[in-house]
Amino acid sequence: MTAKKTITVKAETLVSLAIEAFIKAGMSESDATISANALVQADLEGVHSHGISRLPVYIRCLQTGKINPTPSITINQKGAVISVDGDNGLGIITSMHALNAAIPTAKELGLVGVAVKQSNHFGAASYYCKHMCQHQLAMIAFTNSPKGMPPWGGKEAYFGTNPIAFGFPYRDEPIVVDLSTSVAARGKIILAAKNGEPIPTGWAVDENGRTTTDAEAALKGAILPMAGPKGYALALAVEMMAAMLTGAAFGPHVGWIYDDNREPADVGHFFILMDIAKFIDVNAYEKRVEQMKSEIKANSLAEGFTEILLPGERKQRKECRYRRDGIPVAEEVWSELQRMNH
């Protein structure tokens, strides 16, 4: 496979470009800044499928009204339950407003559930986990997404790739686990299609249920669940949390930002926040985490491995390198960004 051509761009340049584009599309400067930083953070961690490559489709949706650039987000609270109507705003904005509103309750009560409906694609779930970890809050994040994965035994897409993420604060290096319930995130297939690249065997099937390495055919077909029936079961559980408990759309009724339908996507998110200090002394917690990390690292290496990494550790290393040297951006993506801002 021919290596894709990239150019290297400083993170600050990408953030400025995205802020300008979001403001031109009708967003407030504060919301534009939040959204831009969330996208570029994904690129800094090497998750380019959820980074700046998403900006053009976000802007198109904001310009056409498919996503509301100035949503009137409503927040209702009953004890430790916070319900949020995102008014069809960008998922990054509805999620950040919802989570920031939930912090005081999480600190007071120790535990809070946040249900969000009438939202849109919110980028990388790990972004929100890290944000909450800065407040010494552990978090579990769920979101549903447009149909792309069949139930186990079927060939027609019903569930989205339905990611789930966990964030656990630990000094300045939180432990973050972020994964889709499919073999691969759909964003990786979208990016492969944009770059004209094949996808690995076993990721997806075409519309006839046949295994394919063609990214375009995969998008017309279905992405396979991770671990077979286990991934399907987990996707269903995420759908229950993000849709059934929130009142958002579910399964094939969730809209997609890449089609021409002007109806709101009505994506749902569910967040659970936990204040570490309400469960255990923070110093004791940190010592226990440090012990576990050390023991994991000291585990005897299997053949072919040179070290054992913790979830998110590879992303942390990439962020250090990309902040210093710049972020690799596919030429096709960079050209699209340039056309968008001219």
C-alpha atoms as a PDB file:
ATOM      1  CA  MET A   1       0.000   0.000   0.000  1.00  0.00           C
ATOM      2  CA  THR A   2       1.358   3.419  -0.944  1.00  0.00           C
ATOM      3  CA  ALA A   3       1.946   5.628   2.086  1.00  0.00           C
ATOM      4  CA  LYS A   4      -0.356   8.607   2.144  1.00  0.00           C
ATOM      5  CA  LYS A   5       1.242  11.994   1.679  1.00  0.00           C
ATOM      6  CA  THR A   6       1.088  14.330   4.645  1.00  0.00           C
ATOM      7  CA  ILE A   7       2.178  17.809   5.578  1.00  0.00           C
ATOM      8  CA  THR A   8       3.160  18.856   9.079  1.00  0.00           C
ATOM      9  CA  VAL A   9       1.148  21.631  10.717  1.00  0.00           C
ATOM     10  CA  LYS A  10       1.554  23.153  14.168  1.00  0.00           C
ATOM     11  CA  ALA A  11      -1.329  22.536  16.564  1.00  0.00           C
ATOM     12  CA  GLU A  12      -1.789  26.280  17.096  1.00  0.00           C
ATOM     13  CA  THR A  13      -2.262  26.791  13.355  1.00  0.00           C
ATOM     14  CA  LEU A  14      -4.964  24.144  13.187  1.00  0.00           C
ATOM     15  CA  VAL A  15      -6.739  25.571  16.238  1.00  0.00           C
ATOM     16  CA  SER A  16      -6.754  29.085  14.735  1.00  0.00           C
ATOM     17  CA  LEU A  17      -8.011  27.758  11.402  1.00  0.00           C
ATOM     18  CA  ALA A  18     -10.825  25.841  13.088  1.00  0.00           C
ATOM     19  CA  ILE A  19     -11.850  28.756  15.320  1.00  0.00           C
ATOM     20  CA  GLU A  20     -12.106  31.039  12.303  1.00  0.00           C
ATOM     21  CA  ALA A  21     -14.181  28.474  10.392  1.00  0.00           C
ATOM     22  CA  PHE A  22     -16.561  27.855  13.308  1.00  0.00           C
ATOM     23  CA  ILE A  23     -17.104  31.594  13.853  1.00  0.00           C
ATOM     24  CA  LYS A  24     -17.798  32.131  10.145  1.00  0.00           C
ATOM     25  CA  ALA A  25     -20.364  29.322  10.375  1.00  0.00           C
ATOM     26  CA  GLY A  26     -22.238  31.210  13.109  1.00  0.00           C
ATOM     27  CA  MET A  27     -20.767  29.957  16.383  1.00  0.00           C
ATOM     28  CA  SER A  28     -19.862  32.228  19.271  1.00  0.00           C
ATOM     29  CA  GLU A  29     -16.139  32.721  19.824  1.00  0.00           C
ATOM     30  CA  SER A  30     -16.224  30.770  23.092  1.00  0.00           C
ATOM     31  CA  ASP A  31     -18.014  27.771  21.537  1.00  0.00           C
ATOM     32  CA  ALA A  32     -15.742  27.945  18.488  1.00  0.00           C
ATOM     33  CA  THR A  33     -12.687  27.817  20.734  1.00  0.00           C
ATOM     34  CA  ILE A  34     -14.003  24.818  22.688  1.00  0.00           C
ATOM     35  CA  SER A  35     -14.827  22.949  19.479  1.00  0.00           C
ATOM     36  CA  ALA A  36     -11.502  23.727  17.806  1.00  0.00           C
ATOM     37  CA  ASN A  37      -9.472  22.590  20.790  1.00  0.00           C
ATOM     38  CA  ALA A  38     -11.435  19.343  21.049  1.00  0.00           C
ATOM     39  CA  LEU A  39     -10.772  18.478  17.404  1.00  0.00           C
ATOM     40  CA  VAL A  40      -7.075  19.316  17.480  1.00  0.00           C
ATOM     41  CA  GLN A  41      -6.608  17.417  20.750  1.00  0.00           C
ATOM     42  CA  ALA A  42      -7.719  14.275  18.911  1.00  0.00           C
ATOM     43  CA  ASP A  43      -5.098  14.932  16.234  1.00  0.00           C
ATOM     44  CA  LEU A  44      -2.435  15.529  18.877  1.00  0.00           C
ATOM     45  CA  GLU A  45      -3.165  12.059  20.225  1.00  0.00           C
ATOM     46  CA  GLY A  46      -2.974  10.527  16.760  1.00  0.00           C
ATOM     47  CA  VAL A  47      -6.735   9.938  16.482  1.00  0.00           C
ATOM     48  CA  HIS A  48      -6.968  11.726  13.132  1.00  0.00           C
ATOM     49  CA  SER A  49     -10.329  10.116  12.355  1.00  0.00           C
ATOM     50  CA  HIS A  50     -11.883  12.327  15.053  1.00  0.00           C
ATOM     51  CA  GLY A  51      -9.711  15.392  14.564  1.00  0.00           C
ATOM     52  CA  ILE A  52      -9.459  18.241  12.089  1.00  0.00           C
ATOM     53  CA  SER A  53     -10.604  15.960   9.259  1.00  0.00           C
ATOM     54  CA  ARG A  54     -14.116  16.316  10.736  1.00  0.00           C
ATOM     55  CA  LEU A  55     -14.104  20.115  10.458  1.00  0.00           C
ATOM     56  CA  PRO A  56     -15.414  20.411   6.859  1.00  0.00           C
ATOM     57  CA  VAL A  57     -18.502  18.272   7.508  1.00  0.00           C
ATOM     58  CA  TYR A  58     -19.182  20.101  10.796  1.00  0.00           C
ATOM     59  CA  ILE A  59     -19.007  23.430   8.963  1.00  0.00           C
ATOM     60  CA  ARG A  60     -21.297  22.268   6.158  1.00  0.00           C
ATOM     61  CA  CYS A  61     -23.871  21.108   8.712  1.00  0.00           C
ATOM     62  CA  LEU A  62     -23.645  24.398  10.636  1.00  0.00           C
ATOM     63  CA  GLN A  63     -24.032  26.425   7.438  1.00  0.00           C
ATOM     64  CA  THR A  64     -27.044  24.476   6.202  1.00  0.00           C
ATOM     65  CA  GLY A  65     -28.764  24.431   9.600  1.00  0.00           C
ATOM     66  CA  LYS A  66     -28.481  20.674   9.999  1.00  0.00           C
ATOM     67  CA  ILE A  67     -26.583  21.509  13.209  1.00  0.00           C
ATOM     68  CA  ASN A  68     -27.602  24.550  15.254  1.00  0.00           C
ATOM     69  CA  PRO A  69     -24.620  26.931  15.634  1.00  0.00           C
ATOM     70  CA  THR A  70     -26.258  28.806  18.534  1.00  0.00           C
ATOM     71  CA  PRO A  71     -28.265  26.229  20.507  1.00  0.00           C
ATOM     72  CA  SER A  72     -30.386  27.127  23.520  1.00  0.00           C
ATOM     73  CA  ILE A  73     -29.258  24.259  25.708  1.00  0.00           C
ATOM     74  CA  THR A  74     -31.677  23.454  28.535  1.00  0.00           C
ATOM     75  CA  ILE A  75     -30.537  21.731  31.714  1.00  0.00           C
ATOM     76  CA  ASN A  76     -32.936  20.208  34.238  1.00  0.00           C
ATOM     77  CA  GLN A  77     -31.896  18.590  37.493  1.00  0.00           C
ATOM     78  CA  LYS A  78     -33.568  16.197  39.907  1.00  0.00           C
ATOM     79  CA  GLY A  79     -31.151  15.311  42.676  1.00  0.00           C
ATOM     80  CA  ALA A  80     -28.199  13.449  41.182  1.00  0.00           C
ATOM     81  CA  VAL A  81     -29.826  13.197  37.727  1.00  0.00           C
ATOM     82  CA  ILE A  82     -29.211  15.947  35.169  1.00  0.00           C
ATOM     83  CA  SER A  83     -31.190  15.919  31.912  1.00  0.00           C
ATOM     84  CA  VAL A  84     -29.986  18.033  29.003  1.00  0.00           C
ATOM     85  CA  ASP A  85     -31.653  19.007  25.727  1.00  0.00           C
ATOM     86  CA  GLY A  86     -28.891  20.101  23.350  1.00  0.00           C
ATOM     87  CA  ASP A  87     -31.225  21.896  20.906  1.00  0.00           C
ATOM     88  CA  ASN A  88     -29.416  20.218  17.991  1.00  0.00           C
ATOM     89  CA  GLY A  89     -26.094  21.821  18.869  1.00  0.00           C
ATOM     90  CA  LEU A  90     -22.712  20.388  17.963  1.00  0.00           C
ATOM     91  CA  GLY A  91     -22.032  17.412  20.232  1.00  0.00           C
ATOM     92  CA  ILE A  92     -18.831  18.949  21.572  1.00  0.00           C
ATOM     93  CA  ILE A  93     -20.746  21.997  22.799  1.00  0.00           C
ATOM     94  CA  THR A  94     -23.760  20.203  24.254  1.00  0.00           C
ATOM     95  CA  SER A  95     -21.468  17.761  26.066  1.00  0.00           C
ATOM     96  CA  MET A  96     -19.168  20.411  27.523  1.00  0.00           C
ATOM     97  CA  HIS A  97     -22.096  22.539  28.714  1.00  0.00           C
ATOM     98  CA  ALA A  98     -23.714  19.482  30.284  1.00  0.00           C
ATOM     99  CA  LEU A  99     -20.551  18.312  32.024  1.00  0.00           C
ATOM    100  CA  ASN A 100     -19.558  21.721  33.332  1.00  0.00           C
ATOM    101  CA  ALA A 101     -23.053  22.088  34.798  1.00  0.00           C
ATOM    102  CA  ALA A 102     -22.685  18.680  36.478  1.00  0.00           C
ATOM    103  CA  ILE A 103     -19.359  19.311  38.248  1.00  0.00           C
ATOM    104  CA  PRO A 104     -20.813  21.066  41.331  1.00  0.00           C
ATOM    105  CA  THR A 105     -23.348  18.272  41.877  1.00  0.00           C
ATOM    106  CA  ALA A 106     -20.693  15.583  41.454  1.00  0.00           C
ATOM    107  CA  LYS A 107     -18.538  17.355  44.048  1.00  0.00           C
ATOM    108  CA  GLU A 108     -21.461  17.734  46.446  1.00  0.00           C
ATOM    109  CA  LEU A 109     -23.046  14.295  46.152  1.00  0.00           C
ATOM    110  CA  GLY A 110     -20.116  12.214  44.899  1.00  0.00           C
ATOM    111  CA  LEU A 111     -22.040  10.725  41.989  1.00  0.00           C
ATOM    112  CA  VAL A 112     -24.136  12.188  39.168  1.00  0.00           C
ATOM    113  CA  GLY A 113     -25.731  10.903  35.977  1.00  0.00           C
ATOM    114  CA  VAL A 114     -26.006  13.220  32.960  1.00  0.00           C
ATOM    115  CA  ALA A 115     -28.421  12.343  30.143  1.00  0.00           C
ATOM    116  CA  VAL A 116     -28.156  14.312  26.872  1.00  0.00           C
ATOM    117  CA  LYS A 117     -30.517  14.236  23.905  1.00  0.00           C
ATOM    118  CA  GLN A 118     -30.901  16.339  20.734  1.00  0.00           C
ATOM    119  CA  SER A 119     -27.146  16.383  20.246  1.00  0.00           C
ATOM    120  CA  ASN A 120     -24.734  15.490  17.446  1.00  0.00           C
ATOM    121  CA  HIS A 121     -21.401  13.741  16.938  1.00  0.00           C
ATOM    122  CA  PHE A 122     -19.166  14.763  19.855  1.00  0.00           C
ATOM    123  CA  GLY A 123     -15.736  13.716  18.587  1.00  0.00           C
ATOM    124  CA  ALA A 124     -13.438  11.645  20.787  1.00  0.00           C
ATOM    125  CA  ALA A 125     -14.999  10.525  24.078  1.00  0.00           C
ATOM    126  CA  SER A 126     -11.580  10.579  25.736  1.00  0.00           C
ATOM    127  CA  TYR A 127     -11.590  14.384  25.526  1.00  0.00           C
ATOM    128  CA  TYR A 128     -14.399  14.637  28.081  1.00  0.00           C
ATOM    129  CA  CYS A 129     -12.846  12.033  30.347  1.00  0.00           C
ATOM    130  CA  LYS A 130      -9.628  14.033  30.521  1.00  0.00           C
ATOM    131  CA  HIS A 131     -11.528  17.250  31.164  1.00  0.00           C
ATOM    132  CA  MET A 132     -13.335  15.709  34.124  1.00  0.00           C
ATOM    133  CA  CYS A 133     -10.128  14.146  35.466  1.00  0.00           C
ATOM    134  CA  GLN A 134      -8.754  17.676  35.869  1.00  0.00           C
ATOM    135  CA  HIS A 135     -11.480  18.105  38.510  1.00  0.00           C
ATOM    136  CA  GLN A 136     -10.566  14.824  40.269  1.00  0.00           C
ATOM    137  CA  LEU A 137     -13.670  13.222  38.819  1.00  0.00           C
ATOM    138  CA  ALA A 138     -13.694   9.731  37.361  1.00  0.00           C
ATOM    139  CA  MET A 139     -16.089   9.360  34.439  1.00  0.00           C
ATOM    140  CA  ILE A 140     -17.813   6.848  32.194  1.00  0.00           C
ATOM    141  CA  ALA A 141     -19.032   8.207  28.855  1.00  0.00           C
ATOM    142  CA  PHE A 142     -21.466   6.588  26.440  1.00  0.00           C
ATOM    143  CA  THR A 143     -22.724   7.812  23.080  1.00  0.00           C
ATOM    144  CA  ASN A 144     -24.745   6.259  20.301  1.00  0.00           C
ATOM    145  CA  SER A 145     -24.166   7.039  16.648  1.00  0.00           C
ATOM    146  CA  PRO A 146     -25.709   6.512  13.192  1.00  0.00           C
ATOM    147  CA  LYS A 147     -26.311   2.946  12.111  1.00  0.00           C
ATOM    148  CA  GLY A 148     -23.196   1.165  10.915  1.00  0.00           C
ATOM    149  CA  MET A 149     -23.023  -2.202  12.680  1.00  0.00           C
ATOM    150  CA  PRO A 150     -25.366  -5.198  12.394  1.00  0.00           C
ATOM    151  CA  PRO A 151     -26.649  -7.207  15.345  1.00  0.00           C
ATOM    152  CA  TRP A 152     -24.688 -10.435  15.665  1.00  0.00           C
ATOM    153  CA  GLY A 153     -25.987 -12.824  13.012  1.00  0.00           C
ATOM    154  CA  GLY A 154     -27.417 -10.066  10.800  1.00  0.00           C
ATOM    155  CA  LYS A 155     -25.937  -8.277   7.786  1.00  0.00           C
ATOM    156  CA  GLU A 156     -27.896  -5.014   7.846  1.00  0.00           C
ATOM    157  CA  ALA A 157     -26.541  -2.120   9.908  1.00  0.00           C
ATOM    158  CA  TYR A 158     -28.668  -1.297  12.951  1.00  0.00           C
ATOM    159  CA  PHE A 159     -26.464   0.003  15.771  1.00  0.00           C
ATOM    160  CA  GLY A 160     -23.821   2.673  15.569  1.00  0.00           C
ATOM    161  CA  THR A 161     -20.230   1.961  16.540  1.00  0.00           C
ATOM    162  CA  ASN A 162     -21.388   3.125  19.991  1.00  0.00           C
ATOM    163  CA  PRO A 163     -18.186   3.990  21.871  1.00  0.00           C
ATOM    164  CA  ILE A 164     -17.702   3.810  25.608  1.00  0.00           C
ATOM    165  CA  ALA A 165     -14.931   5.580  27.513  1.00  0.00           C
ATOM    166  CA  PHE A 166     -13.591   5.604  31.071  1.00  0.00           C
ATOM    167  CA  GLY A 167     -11.463   8.270  32.708  1.00  0.00           C
ATOM    168  CA  PHE A 168      -9.638   7.889  36.038  1.00  0.00           C
ATOM    169  CA  PRO A 169      -7.691  10.849  37.448  1.00  0.00           C
ATOM    170  CA  TYR A 170      -4.093  10.217  38.407  1.00  0.00           C
ATOM    171  CA  ARG A 171      -1.847  13.231  38.986  1.00  0.00           C
ATOM    172  CA  ASP A 172      -1.069  14.732  35.565  1.00  0.00           C
ATOM    173  CA  GLU A 173      -1.421  11.421  33.689  1.00  0.00           C
ATOM    174  CA  PRO A 174      -5.043  10.212  33.902  1.00  0.00           C
ATOM    175  CA  ILE A 175      -5.815   6.644  32.895  1.00  0.00           C
ATOM    176  CA  VAL A 176      -8.222   6.831  29.959  1.00  0.00           C
ATOM    177  CA  VAL A 177      -9.849   3.918  28.147  1.00  0.00           C
ATOM    178  CA  ASP A 178     -11.738   4.846  24.967  1.00  0.00           C
ATOM    179  CA  LEU A 179     -13.049   2.252  22.538  1.00  0.00           C
ATOM    180  CA  SER A 180     -15.802   1.674  20.050  1.00  0.00           C
ATOM    181  CA  THR A 181     -17.902  -1.463  20.290  1.00  0.00           C
ATOM    182  CA  SER A 182     -17.086  -2.228  16.650  1.00  0.00           C
ATOM    183  CA  VAL A 183     -13.826  -3.705  15.383  1.00  0.00           C
ATOM    184  CA  ALA A 184     -12.809  -0.173  14.345  1.00  0.00           C
ATOM    185  CA  ALA A 185     -14.281   3.291  14.704  1.00  0.00           C
ATOM    186  CA  ARG A 186     -16.311   4.360  11.670  1.00  0.00           C
ATOM    187  CA  GLY A 187     -14.253   7.566  11.576  1.00  0.00           C
ATOM    188  CA  LYS A 188     -11.208   5.503  10.580  1.00  0.00           C
ATOM    189  CA  ILE A 189     -13.129   4.082   7.627  1.00  0.00           C
ATOM    190  CA  ILE A 190     -14.421   7.524   6.634  1.00  0.00           C
ATOM    191  CA  LEU A 191     -10.863   8.858   6.701  1.00  0.00           C
ATOM    192  CA  ALA A 192      -9.594   5.883   4.685  1.00  0.00           C
ATOM    193  CA  ALA A 193     -12.285   6.538   2.070  1.00  0.00           C
ATOM    194  CA  LYS A 194     -11.329  10.226   1.952  1.00  0.00           C
ATOM    195  CA  ASN A 195      -7.665   9.314   1.461  1.00  0.00           C
ATOM    196  CA  GLY A 196      -8.380   6.550  -1.063  1.00  0.00           C
ATOM    197  CA  GLU A 197      -6.905   3.881   1.198  1.00  0.00           C
ATOM    198  CA  PRO A 198      -8.025   0.272   1.808  1.00  0.00           C
ATOM    199  CA  ILE A 199      -9.061  -0.952   5.237  1.00  0.00           C
ATOM    200  CA  PRO A 200      -7.841  -4.148   6.945  1.00  0.00           C
ATOM    201  CA  THR A 201      -9.626  -7.423   6.314  1.00  0.00           C
ATOM    202  CA  GLY A 202     -12.132  -8.218   9.050  1.00  0.00           C
ATOM    203  CA  TRP A 203     -13.220  -4.660   9.716  1.00  0.00           C
ATOM    204  CA  ALA A 204     -16.369  -4.563   7.607  1.00  0.00           C
ATOM    205  CA  VAL A 205     -18.682  -6.177   5.067  1.00  0.00           C
ATOM    206  CA  ASP A 206     -20.217  -4.674   1.933  1.00  0.00           C
ATOM    207  CA  GLU A 207     -23.955  -4.238   1.367  1.00  0.00           C
ATOM    208  CA  ASN A 208     -24.200  -7.897   0.352  1.00  0.00           C
ATOM    209  CA  GLY A 209     -22.643  -9.079   3.603  1.00  0.00           C
ATOM    210  CA  ARG A 210     -19.301  -9.982   2.020  1.00  0.00           C
ATOM    211  CA  THR A 211     -15.979  -9.138   3.665  1.00  0.00           C
ATOM    212  CA  THR A 212     -14.399  -6.071   2.039  1.00  0.00           C
ATOM    213  CA  THR A 213     -11.234  -3.983   2.253  1.00  0.00           C
ATOM    214  CA  ASP A 214     -12.814  -1.188   0.182  1.00  0.00           C
ATOM    215  CA  ALA A 215     -13.587   1.725   2.521  1.00  0.00           C
ATOM    216  CA  GLU A 216     -16.373   3.088   0.299  1.00  0.00           C
ATOM    217  CA  ALA A 217     -18.031  -0.335   0.111  1.00  0.00           C
ATOM    218  CA  ALA A 218     -17.691  -0.668   3.890  1.00  0.00           C
ATOM    219  CA  LEU A 219     -19.541   2.610   4.440  1.00  0.00           C
ATOM    220  CA  LYS A 220     -22.387   1.324   2.257  1.00  0.00           C
ATOM    221  CA  GLY A 221     -22.354  -2.000   4.115  1.00  0.00           C
ATOM    222  CA  ALA A 222     -21.661  -2.533   7.800  1.00  0.00           C
ATOM    223  CA  ILE A 223     -18.819  -2.465  10.307  1.00  0.00           C
ATOM    224  CA  LEU A 224     -18.382  -5.642  12.335  1.00  0.00           C
ATOM    225  CA  PRO A 225     -18.747  -5.732  16.130  1.00  0.00           C
ATOM    226  CA  MET A 226     -15.602  -6.334  18.155  1.00  0.00           C
ATOM    227  CA  ALA A 227     -15.347  -9.805  19.684  1.00  0.00           C
ATOM    228  CA  GLY A 228     -18.404 -10.959  17.751  1.00  0.00           C
ATOM    229  CA  PRO A 229     -21.510 -11.371  19.951  1.00  0.00           C
ATOM    230  CA  LYS A 230     -19.795  -9.661  22.894  1.00  0.00           C
ATOM    231  CA  GLY A 231     -19.317  -6.453  20.914  1.00  0.00           C
ATOM    232  CA  TYR A 232     -22.920  -6.606  19.754  1.00  0.00           C
ATOM    233  CA  ALA A 233     -24.127  -7.008  23.351  1.00  0.00           C
ATOM    234  CA  LEU A 234     -22.010  -4.083  24.506  1.00  0.00           C
ATOM    235  CA  ALA A 235     -23.290  -1.906  21.638  1.00  0.00           C
ATOM    236  CA  LEU A 236     -26.840  -2.683  22.726  1.00  0.00           C
ATOM    237  CA  ALA A 237     -25.989  -1.739  26.316  1.00  0.00           C
ATOM    238  CA  VAL A 238     -24.534   1.587  25.146  1.00  0.00           C
ATOM    239  CA  GLU A 239     -27.712   2.198  23.126  1.00  0.00           C
ATOM    240  CA  MET A 240     -29.768   1.629  26.267  1.00  0.00           C
ATOM    241  CA  MET A 241     -27.708   4.184  28.196  1.00  0.00           C
ATOM    242  CA  ALA A 242     -27.327   6.824  25.485  1.00  0.00           C
ATOM    243  CA  ALA A 243     -30.769   6.579  23.888  1.00  0.00           C
ATOM    244  CA  MET A 244     -33.352   4.776  25.990  1.00  0.00           C
ATOM    245  CA  LEU A 245     -32.478   6.609  29.216  1.00  0.00           C
ATOM    246  CA  THR A 246     -32.033  10.006  27.528  1.00  0.00           C
ATOM    247  CA  GLY A 247     -34.971  10.065  25.113  1.00  0.00           C
ATOM    248  CA  ALA A 248     -32.647  10.465  22.108  1.00  0.00           C
ATOM    249  CA  ALA A 249     -33.037   8.633  18.811  1.00  0.00           C
ATOM    250  CA  PHE A 250     -31.892   5.016  18.713  1.00  0.00           C
ATOM    251  CA  GLY A 251     -30.565   2.483  16.214  1.00  0.00           C
ATOM    252  CA  PRO A 252     -31.313   3.349  12.575  1.00  0.00           C
ATOM    253  CA  HIS A 253     -33.345   6.393  13.669  1.00  0.00           C
ATOM    254  CA  VAL A 254     -30.180   8.342  14.569  1.00  0.00           C
ATOM    255  CA  GLY A 255     -29.303  10.840  11.838  1.00  0.00           C
ATOM    256  CA  TRP A 256     -25.956  11.061  10.039  1.00  0.00           C
ATOM    257  CA  ILE A 257     -24.048  14.283   9.420  1.00  0.00           C
ATOM    258  CA  TYR A 258     -22.683  12.994   6.114  1.00  0.00           C
ATOM    259  CA  ASP A 259     -26.000  12.629   4.266  1.00  0.00           C
ATOM    260  CA  ASP A 260     -28.288  15.266   2.730  1.00  0.00           C
ATOM    261  CA  ASN A 261     -31.135  14.784   5.200  1.00  0.00           C
ATOM    262  CA  ARG A 262     -31.776  18.091   6.982  1.00  0.00           C
ATOM    263  CA  GLU A 263     -33.488  16.525  10.000  1.00  0.00           C
ATOM    264  CA  PRO A 264     -31.630  16.739  13.363  1.00  0.00           C
ATOM    265  CA  ALA A 265     -29.499  13.687  14.114  1.00  0.00           C
ATOM    266  CA  ASP A 266     -30.733  13.533  17.746  1.00  0.00           C
ATOM    267  CA  VAL A 267     -27.635  11.735  18.997  1.00  0.00           C
ATOM    268  CA  GLY A 268     -27.695  10.778  22.689  1.00  0.00           C
ATOM    269  CA  HIS A 269     -24.922  10.802  25.296  1.00  0.00           C
ATOM    270  CA  PHE A 270     -24.815   9.569  28.879  1.00  0.00           C
ATOM    271  CA  PHE A 271     -22.137  10.502  31.398  1.00  0.00           C
ATOM    272  CA  ILE A 272     -21.543   9.177  34.921  1.00  0.00           C
ATOM    273  CA  LEU A 273     -19.301  11.343  37.112  1.00  0.00           C
ATOM    274  CA  MET A 274     -17.728  10.148  40.361  1.00  0.00           C
ATOM    275  CA  ASP A 275     -15.805  12.272  42.853  1.00  0.00           C
ATOM    276  CA  ILE A 276     -12.756  10.261  43.916  1.00  0.00           C
ATOM    277  CA  ALA A 277     -12.601  11.982  47.317  1.00  0.00           C
ATOM    278  CA  LYS A 278     -16.100  10.781  48.189  1.00  0.00           C
ATOM    279  CA  PHE A 279     -15.080   7.142  47.705  1.00  0.00           C
ATOM    280  CA  ILE A 280     -11.535   7.024  49.068  1.00  0.00           C
ATOM    281  CA  ASP A 281      -8.796   9.286  50.412  1.00  0.00           C
ATOM    282  CA  VAL A 282      -7.143  10.798  47.330  1.00  0.00           C
ATOM    283  CA  ASN A 283      -3.586  10.145  48.545  1.00  0.00           C
ATOM    284  CA  ALA A 284      -4.424   6.505  49.258  1.00  0.00           C
ATOM    285  CA  TYR A 285      -6.070   6.237  45.836  1.00  0.00           C
ATOM    286  CA  GLU A 286      -2.999   7.617  44.077  1.00  0.00           C
ATOM    287  CA  LYS A 287      -0.672   5.243  45.935  1.00  0.00           C
ATOM    288  CA  ARG A 288      -2.819   2.276  44.949  1.00  0.00           C
ATOM    289  CA  VAL A 289      -2.899   3.395  41.299  1.00  0.00           C
ATOM    290  CA  GLU A 290       0.882   3.860  41.325  1.00  0.00           C
ATOM    291  CA  GLN A 291       1.343   0.352  42.734  1.00  0.00           C
ATOM    292  CA  MET A 292      -0.912  -1.151  40.094  1.00  0.00           C
ATOM    293  CA  LYS A 293       0.859   0.706  37.285  1.00  0.00           C
ATOM    294  CA  SER A 294       4.257  -0.447  38.548  1.00  0.00           C
ATOM    295  CA  GLU A 295       3.137  -4.048  38.822  1.00  0.00           C
ATOM    296  CA  ILE A 296       1.675  -4.004  35.318  1.00  0.00           C
ATOM    297  CA  LYS A 297       4.890  -2.556  33.889  1.00  0.00           C
ATOM    298  CA  ALA A 298       6.944  -5.190  35.700  1.00  0.00           C
ATOM    299  CA  ASN A 299       4.994  -8.074  34.179  1.00  0.00           C
ATOM    300  CA  SER A 300       7.154 -10.505  32.199  1.00  0.00           C
ATOM    301  CA  LEU A 301       7.078  -9.643  28.510  1.00  0.00           C
ATOM    302  CA  ALA A 302       5.481 -11.938  25.967  1.00  0.00           C
ATOM    303  CA  GLU A 303       7.453 -12.846  22.858  1.00  0.00           C
ATOM    304  CA  GLY A 304       7.609  -9.971  20.380  1.00  0.00           C
ATOM    305  CA  PHE A 305       6.995  -7.203  22.918  1.00  0.00           C
ATOM    306  CA  THR A 306       9.537  -4.688  24.213  1.00  0.00           C
ATOM    307  CA  GLU A 307       7.339  -3.047  26.858  1.00  0.00           C
ATOM    308  CA  ILE A 308       3.856  -3.038  28.349  1.00  0.00           C
ATOM    309  CA  LEU A 309       1.824   0.103  27.775  1.00  0.00           C
ATOM    310  CA  LEU A 310      -1.146   1.354  29.771  1.00  0.00           C
ATOM    311  CA  PRO A 311      -4.292   2.403  27.898  1.00  0.00           C
ATOM    312  CA  GLY A 312      -3.743   5.911  26.520  1.00  0.00           C
ATOM    313  CA  GLU A 313       0.025   5.866  27.019  1.00  0.00           C
ATOM    314  CA  ARG A 314       0.764   5.706  23.296  1.00  0.00           C
ATOM    315  CA  LYS A 315      -1.492   8.728  22.784  1.00  0.00           C
ATOM    316  CA  GLN A 316       0.377  10.654  25.487  1.00  0.00           C
ATOM    317  CA  ARG A 317       3.669  10.007  23.731  1.00  0.00           C
ATOM    318  CA  LYS A 318       2.272  11.105  20.392  1.00  0.00           C
ATOM    319  CA  GLU A 319       0.930  14.295  21.937  1.00  0.00           C
ATOM    320  CA  CYS A 320       4.375  15.193  23.283  1.00  0.00           C
ATOM    321  CA  ARG A 321       5.928  14.599  19.870  1.00  0.00           C
ATOM    322  CA  TYR A 322       3.218  16.358  17.865  1.00  0.00           C
ATOM    323  CA  ARG A 323       3.206  19.411  20.138  1.00  0.00           C
ATOM    324  CA  ARG A 324       6.939  19.709  19.572  1.00  0.00           C
ATOM    325  CA  ASP A 325       7.222  18.801  15.889  1.00  0.00           C
ATOM    326  CA  GLY A 326       3.751  19.491  14.482  1.00  0.00           C
ATOM    327  CA  ILE A 327       0.804  17.297  13.482  1.00  0.00           C
ATOM    328  CA  PRO A 328       0.834  15.192  10.279  1.00  0.00           C
ATOM    329  CA  VAL A 329      -2.213  16.100   8.182  1.00  0.00           C
ATOM    330  CA  ALA A 330      -3.122  14.145   5.065  1.00  0.00           C
ATOM    331  CA  GLU A 331      -2.727  16.239   1.929  1.00  0.00           C
ATOM    332  CA  GLU A 332      -6.327  15.512   0.933  1.00  0.00           C
ATOM    333  CA  VAL A 333      -7.561  16.794   4.295  1.00  0.00           C
ATOM    334  CA  TRP A 334      -5.328  19.883   4.178  1.00  0.00           C
ATOM    335  CA  SER A 335      -6.538  20.749   0.665  1.00  0.00           C
ATOM    336  CA  GLU A 336     -10.145  20.443   1.837  1.00  0.00           C
ATOM    337  CA  LEU A 337      -9.427  22.724   4.785  1.00  0.00           C
ATOM    338  CA  GLN A 338      -7.852  25.312   2.498  1.00  0.00           C
ATOM    339  CA  ARG A 339     -10.804  25.239   0.095  1.00  0.00           C
ATOM    340  CA  MET A 340     -13.202  25.575   3.010  1.00  0.00           C
ATOM    341  CA  ASN A 341     -11.600  28.788   4.305  1.00  0.00           C
ATOM    342  CA  HIS A 342     -11.404  30.509   0.917  1.00  0.00           C
END
